[in-house]
Amino acid sequence: MGIDARAADRSGSRPRRDVSRPGMGRRPRSAVTPEPDEQDAPASLPEPVTMRLDGKVALVTGAGSPDGIGYATARRLSDLGARVAIVSTTRRIHERAGELGVTGFVADLTDESEVGALADAVTEQLGDVEVLVNNAGLASRASPEVLRPVAQLSYDEWQGEIDRNLTTAFLCSRAFIGGMAERGWGRIVNLAATAGPVNALPTEAAYAAAKAGVVGLTRALAMEMIADGVTVNAVAPGTIYTAASTMAEIKQGLGTPVGRPGTPDEVAAAITFLCSPAASYITGQMLVVDGGNSVREAQFR
């Protein structure tokens, strides 16, 4: 099923959310933190250690490519019992939705008003979002990375990379955290990258800065939401093989300690674990999925 969030009916009975006031509905917190008592039981029992997400509503952004991380993640979440919505900037998302048996939406996630319309549309069609995977922004044929030295980088190119890779995660997270906090449960997983948080290459300053920013956003939001039962984590892929991979990227993957590039499904496995009840004691973390490449001191001895 496909829906264009830009064309969503905003005149129905459901009030249009005010995207400039995203915190409405947040559960009140106690103003005073009680002193711990060794004889007191925990305030709440741990969640069951299960990967199942039966009945949970999950939204995966940037899932337009049939061989991408977003698509693989949506498939895994659906297999775990979640009711899944996927979104991209083009109408090809409707093809992906049909293939997966999920609901597809079209929206520009760098636009505040379109994110608000998307949030309304997903909630109306599927219910309140409890799992959010901010995958939008990874390089694709439709939105390639800007590879240019800082001295030659235009302001528009810089801003475009920041908006696509960081602002999208901010706007989407802000749209749904109030509802998650109100219900006392939620999962947010942001897609970072090894480029920026772990290492960097020449000509990729804007992308690296944006992905490092994703990790900073993840950690700050994790601390803001920790008392509301919401975990926020990041996954940082290294070289992942897709149809859009260049020969240079494939060779880079062959040079990892594992000896090959990763697959979208291997990244999706890490994402879906962090989305599950089994990851209830993990928040504010970045999980690197790069075949051990970032921990090797030197390629040859």
Protein backbone atom coordinates (compact mmCIF):
# COMPACT_ATOMS: atom_id res chain seq x y z
CA MET A 1 0.00 0.00 0.00
CA GLY A 2 1.41 3.39 -0.94
CA ILE A 3 0.65 6.82 0.39
CA ASP A 4 2.10 10.20 -0.49
CA ALA A 5 2.48 12.05 2.82
CA ARG A 6 2.59 15.33 0.93
CA ALA A 7 -0.95 14.72 -0.28
CA ALA A 8 -2.32 13.47 3.03
CA ASP A 9 -5.66 14.90 4.00
CA ARG A 10 -5.12 17.45 6.73
CA SER A 11 -8.77 18.40 7.08
CA GLY A 12 -9.97 15.24 8.84
CA SER A 13 -11.01 14.81 12.45
CA ARG A 14 -7.47 14.07 13.63
CA PRO A 15 -5.74 17.37 14.56
CA ARG A 16 -2.62 18.27 12.59
CA ARG A 17 0.40 18.00 14.87
CA ASP A 18 2.33 21.15 15.59
CA VAL A 19 5.83 20.28 14.43
CA SER A 20 7.27 23.29 16.23
CA ARG A 21 6.05 21.89 19.58
CA PRO A 22 7.07 18.21 19.42
CA GLY A 23 7.21 17.55 23.15
CA MET A 24 3.48 17.65 23.82
CA GLY A 25 2.15 14.56 25.53
CA ARG A 26 5.40 13.69 27.28
CA ARG A 27 4.92 11.86 30.56
CA PRO A 28 5.70 14.04 33.58
CA ARG A 29 8.79 13.14 35.55
CA SER A 30 9.26 13.35 39.27
CA ALA A 31 11.00 16.55 40.29
CA VAL A 32 12.87 14.72 43.06
CA THR A 33 14.94 11.58 42.58
CA PRO A 34 14.41 9.29 45.58
CA GLU A 35 17.43 7.91 47.41
CA PRO A 36 18.11 4.26 46.51
CA ASP A 37 17.26 1.61 49.09
CA GLU A 38 19.10 -1.71 48.91
CA GLN A 39 15.96 -3.54 50.06
CA ASP A 40 13.69 -1.90 47.49
CA ALA A 41 12.80 -3.84 44.38
CA PRO A 42 13.54 -2.26 40.98
CA ALA A 43 10.94 0.29 39.90
CA SER A 44 10.07 -1.90 36.93
CA LEU A 45 10.96 -5.43 35.96
CA PRO A 46 13.26 -5.97 32.97
CA GLU A 47 11.62 -6.65 29.65
CA PRO A 48 11.47 -10.24 28.42
CA VAL A 49 14.61 -11.18 26.48
CA THR A 50 12.97 -11.62 23.11
CA MET A 51 13.51 -10.39 19.59
CA ARG A 52 9.79 -10.41 18.79
CA LEU A 53 8.04 -7.14 17.97
CA ASP A 54 4.53 -8.47 17.54
CA GLY A 55 2.04 -5.65 17.06
CA LYS A 56 4.63 -2.87 17.30
CA VAL A 57 4.46 -0.15 14.64
CA ALA A 58 7.85 0.46 13.02
CA LEU A 59 8.91 3.18 10.59
CA VAL A 60 12.03 2.76 8.44
CA THR A 61 13.23 5.78 6.48
CA GLY A 62 15.29 5.64 3.30
CA ALA A 63 14.00 2.24 2.17
CA GLY A 64 13.58 2.90 -1.55
CA SER A 65 16.41 0.68 -2.81
CA PRO A 66 15.63 -3.05 -3.11
CA ASP A 67 19.20 -3.95 -2.12
CA GLY A 68 19.73 -1.32 0.57
CA ILE A 69 19.98 -1.37 4.35
CA GLY A 70 16.56 0.22 4.83
CA TYR A 71 14.82 -2.43 2.73
CA ALA A 72 16.63 -5.28 4.51
CA THR A 73 15.73 -3.75 7.88
CA ALA A 74 12.06 -3.39 6.98
CA ARG A 75 11.96 -7.04 5.91
CA ARG A 76 13.51 -8.21 9.18
CA LEU A 77 11.21 -6.06 11.31
CA SER A 78 8.20 -7.44 9.46
CA ASP A 79 9.46 -10.99 10.02
CA LEU A 80 9.65 -10.20 13.75
CA GLY A 81 5.96 -9.32 13.80
CA ALA A 82 6.08 -5.52 13.51
CA ARG A 83 3.61 -3.54 11.43
CA VAL A 84 6.04 -1.72 9.15
CA ALA A 85 5.91 1.57 7.27
CA ILE A 86 8.68 2.63 4.90
CA VAL A 87 9.39 6.02 3.38
CA SER A 88 11.59 7.54 0.70
CA THR A 89 11.64 10.69 -1.41
CA THR A 90 10.46 8.97 -4.61
CA ARG A 91 7.45 6.93 -5.67
CA ARG A 92 9.57 3.83 -6.09
CA ILE A 93 8.82 3.26 -2.40
CA HIS A 94 5.43 1.92 -3.47
CA GLU A 95 7.14 -0.92 -5.36
CA ARG A 96 9.20 -1.78 -2.28
CA ALA A 97 6.09 -1.67 -0.10
CA GLY A 98 4.29 -4.07 -2.42
CA GLU A 99 7.25 -6.48 -2.39
CA LEU A 100 7.42 -6.49 1.41
CA GLY A 101 3.70 -6.35 2.14
CA VAL A 102 4.11 -3.15 4.16
CA THR A 103 2.86 0.44 3.82
CA GLY A 104 4.86 2.96 1.80
CA PHE A 105 4.97 6.74 2.06
CA VAL A 106 6.61 9.47 0.00
CA ALA A 107 8.10 12.45 1.84
CA ASP A 108 11.09 14.79 1.83
CA LEU A 109 12.49 14.21 5.31
CA THR A 110 14.61 17.36 5.20
CA ASP A 111 11.36 19.39 5.16
CA GLU A 112 9.84 19.99 8.61
CA SER A 113 6.27 20.25 7.36
CA GLU A 114 6.53 17.04 5.30
CA VAL A 115 7.87 15.14 8.30
CA GLY A 116 4.86 16.37 10.28
CA ALA A 117 2.50 15.24 7.51
CA LEU A 118 4.26 11.86 7.38
CA ALA A 119 3.88 11.40 11.13
CA ASP A 120 0.16 12.12 10.88
CA ALA A 121 -0.29 9.78 7.93
CA VAL A 122 1.60 6.86 9.50
CA THR A 123 -0.28 7.25 12.78
CA GLU A 124 -3.63 7.36 11.01
CA GLN A 125 -2.88 4.34 8.82
CA LEU A 126 -1.00 2.06 11.25
CA GLY A 127 -1.11 3.54 14.74
CA ASP A 128 1.46 5.14 17.02
CA VAL A 129 5.06 4.56 15.96
CA GLU A 130 7.04 2.66 18.60
CA VAL A 131 10.14 1.75 16.56
CA LEU A 132 11.95 4.30 14.40
CA VAL A 133 14.93 3.50 12.17
CA ASN A 134 16.52 6.66 10.79
CA ASN A 135 18.24 5.16 7.78
CA ALA A 136 17.62 8.01 5.32
CA GLY A 137 20.75 9.75 4.16
CA LEU A 138 23.09 6.94 3.26
CA ALA A 139 24.53 7.52 -0.19
CA SER A 140 22.55 6.19 -3.13
CA ARG A 141 22.32 6.74 -6.84
CA ALA A 142 19.63 9.34 -6.22
CA SER A 143 21.63 11.25 -3.61
CA PRO A 144 25.38 10.63 -3.97
CA GLU A 145 27.94 11.72 -1.43
CA VAL A 146 29.68 14.99 -2.09
CA LEU A 147 33.36 14.15 -2.62
CA ARG A 148 35.24 17.43 -2.66
CA PRO A 149 38.00 18.96 -0.49
CA VAL A 150 36.81 21.50 2.06
CA ALA A 151 38.51 24.32 0.14
CA GLN A 152 36.35 23.51 -2.88
CA LEU A 153 33.15 22.65 -1.02
CA SER A 154 30.27 25.04 -1.58
CA TYR A 155 27.98 26.05 1.26
CA ASP A 156 25.00 24.43 -0.51
CA GLU A 157 26.90 21.15 -0.86
CA TRP A 158 27.84 21.25 2.81
CA GLN A 159 24.29 22.05 3.89
CA GLY A 160 22.86 19.36 1.63
CA GLU A 161 24.99 16.65 3.23
CA ILE A 162 24.14 17.86 6.74
CA ASP A 163 20.43 18.02 5.96
CA ARG A 164 20.27 14.62 4.27
CA ASN A 165 22.35 12.76 6.85
CA LEU A 166 21.68 14.57 10.14
CA THR A 167 18.65 16.86 9.89
CA THR A 168 16.48 13.96 8.70
CA ALA A 169 17.30 11.98 11.86
CA PHE A 170 16.60 15.02 14.05
CA LEU A 171 13.24 15.86 12.45
CA CYS A 172 11.97 12.27 12.41
CA SER A 173 13.08 11.58 15.98
CA ARG A 174 11.48 14.80 17.21
CA ALA A 175 8.20 13.91 15.50
CA PHE A 176 7.80 10.61 17.38
CA ILE A 177 9.58 10.85 20.76
CA GLY A 178 6.65 12.55 22.48
CA GLY A 179 4.34 9.64 21.74
CA MET A 180 6.97 7.07 22.72
CA ALA A 181 7.55 8.84 26.04
CA GLU A 182 3.83 9.04 26.72
CA ARG A 183 3.44 5.29 26.18
CA GLY A 184 6.61 4.48 28.14
CA TRP A 185 8.29 2.38 25.43
CA GLY A 186 10.18 3.05 22.25
CA ARG A 187 13.20 2.25 20.13
CA ILE A 188 15.17 4.63 17.91
CA VAL A 189 18.12 3.44 15.84
CA ASN A 190 20.08 5.99 13.84
CA LEU A 191 22.35 5.07 10.93
CA ALA A 192 25.77 6.59 11.39
CA ALA A 193 28.87 5.35 9.53
CA THR A 194 32.47 4.59 10.30
CA ALA A 195 33.33 7.68 8.25
CA GLY A 196 33.18 10.52 10.79
CA PRO A 197 32.72 8.82 14.16
CA VAL A 198 35.62 6.38 13.67
CA ASN A 199 37.77 7.55 10.77
CA ALA A 200 37.64 9.74 7.68
CA LEU A 201 39.02 10.11 4.18
CA PRO A 202 39.97 13.21 2.21
CA THR A 203 37.10 14.87 0.30
CA GLU A 204 34.36 13.62 2.64
CA ALA A 205 34.31 16.29 5.36
CA ALA A 206 30.60 17.14 5.03
CA TYR A 207 29.48 13.51 5.14
CA ALA A 208 31.87 12.70 7.99
CA ALA A 209 30.69 15.72 9.99
CA ALA A 210 27.06 14.76 9.49
CA LYS A 211 27.60 11.15 10.58
CA ALA A 212 29.62 12.24 13.62
CA GLY A 213 26.68 14.51 14.39
CA VAL A 214 24.34 11.54 14.21
CA VAL A 215 26.29 9.90 17.03
CA GLY A 216 26.15 13.07 19.11
CA LEU A 217 22.40 13.32 18.54
CA THR A 218 22.02 9.66 19.47
CA ARG A 219 23.81 10.03 22.78
CA ALA A 220 22.09 13.25 23.81
CA LEU A 221 18.64 11.92 22.92
CA ALA A 222 19.36 8.66 24.74
CA MET A 223 19.96 10.58 27.96
CA GLU A 224 16.87 12.72 27.44
CA MET A 225 14.61 9.69 26.89
CA ILE A 226 16.10 7.18 29.32
CA ALA A 227 13.52 7.79 32.06
CA ASP A 228 10.67 7.29 29.59
CA GLY A 229 11.48 3.72 28.56
CA VAL A 230 12.91 4.77 25.19
CA THR A 231 16.32 3.58 24.01
CA VAL A 232 18.32 5.41 21.34
CA ASN A 233 21.30 3.81 19.63
CA ALA A 234 23.33 4.10 16.43
CA VAL A 235 24.70 1.57 13.98
CA ALA A 236 27.83 2.52 12.03
CA PRO A 237 28.37 0.43 8.89
CA GLY A 238 31.71 0.21 7.17
CA THR A 239 31.99 -0.89 3.53
CA ILE A 240 28.69 -2.53 2.56
CA TYR A 241 28.15 -4.13 -0.83
CA THR A 242 25.10 -2.93 -2.76
CA ALA A 243 24.32 -2.48 -6.44
CA ALA A 244 25.50 1.12 -6.08
CA SER A 245 28.94 0.13 -4.78
CA THR A 246 31.87 1.36 -6.86
CA MET A 247 34.82 -0.84 -7.78
CA ALA A 248 36.96 1.14 -5.34
CA GLU A 249 34.50 0.43 -2.52
CA ILE A 250 34.40 -3.27 -3.38
CA LYS A 251 38.21 -3.44 -3.30
CA GLN A 252 38.16 -1.62 0.03
CA GLY A 253 35.80 -4.26 1.36
CA LEU A 254 38.08 -7.06 0.16
CA GLY A 255 40.85 -5.48 2.21
CA THR A 256 39.01 -5.78 5.55
CA PRO A 257 40.13 -8.39 8.11
CA VAL A 258 37.06 -10.46 7.20
CA GLY A 259 38.16 -10.30 3.56
CA ARG A 260 34.95 -9.03 2.01
CA PRO A 261 32.50 -6.13 2.21
CA GLY A 262 29.46 -6.48 4.44
CA THR A 263 25.90 -7.02 3.27
CA PRO A 264 22.79 -4.92 3.94
CA ASP A 265 21.23 -7.87 5.76
CA GLU A 266 24.18 -8.07 8.17
CA VAL A 267 23.69 -4.40 9.05
CA ALA A 268 19.93 -4.94 9.31
CA ALA A 269 20.51 -7.76 11.80
CA ALA A 270 22.33 -5.34 14.11
CA ILE A 271 19.62 -2.71 13.68
CA THR A 272 16.74 -5.06 14.42
CA PHE A 273 18.47 -6.38 17.55
CA LEU A 274 18.68 -2.83 18.91
CA CYS A 275 15.00 -2.36 18.02
CA SER A 276 13.95 -5.41 20.01
CA PRO A 277 12.97 -5.89 23.67
CA ALA A 278 16.15 -7.97 24.00
CA ALA A 279 18.19 -4.74 23.79
CA SER A 280 16.36 -3.05 26.66
CA TYR A 281 19.58 -2.38 28.66
CA ILE A 282 21.46 -0.82 25.74
CA THR A 283 21.16 2.89 25.03
CA GLY A 284 23.36 5.72 23.83
CA GLN A 285 25.70 3.30 22.06
CA MET A 286 27.22 3.06 18.59
CA LEU A 287 27.59 -0.45 17.17
CA VAL A 288 30.21 -0.65 14.42
CA VAL A 289 29.53 -3.18 11.65
CA ASP A 290 32.69 -3.16 9.52
CA GLY A 291 34.29 -6.61 9.58
CA GLY A 292 36.85 -5.49 12.14
CA ASN A 293 38.34 -2.90 9.82
CA SER A 294 38.31 -0.04 12.32
CA VAL A 295 40.28 -1.93 15.01
CA ARG A 296 43.15 -3.15 12.84
CA GLU A 297 46.32 -1.18 13.50
CA ALA A 298 47.87 -1.79 10.10
CA GLN A 299 46.97 -3.83 7.05
CA PHE A 300 50.36 -5.43 6.68
CA ARG A 301 53.07 -6.39 9.17
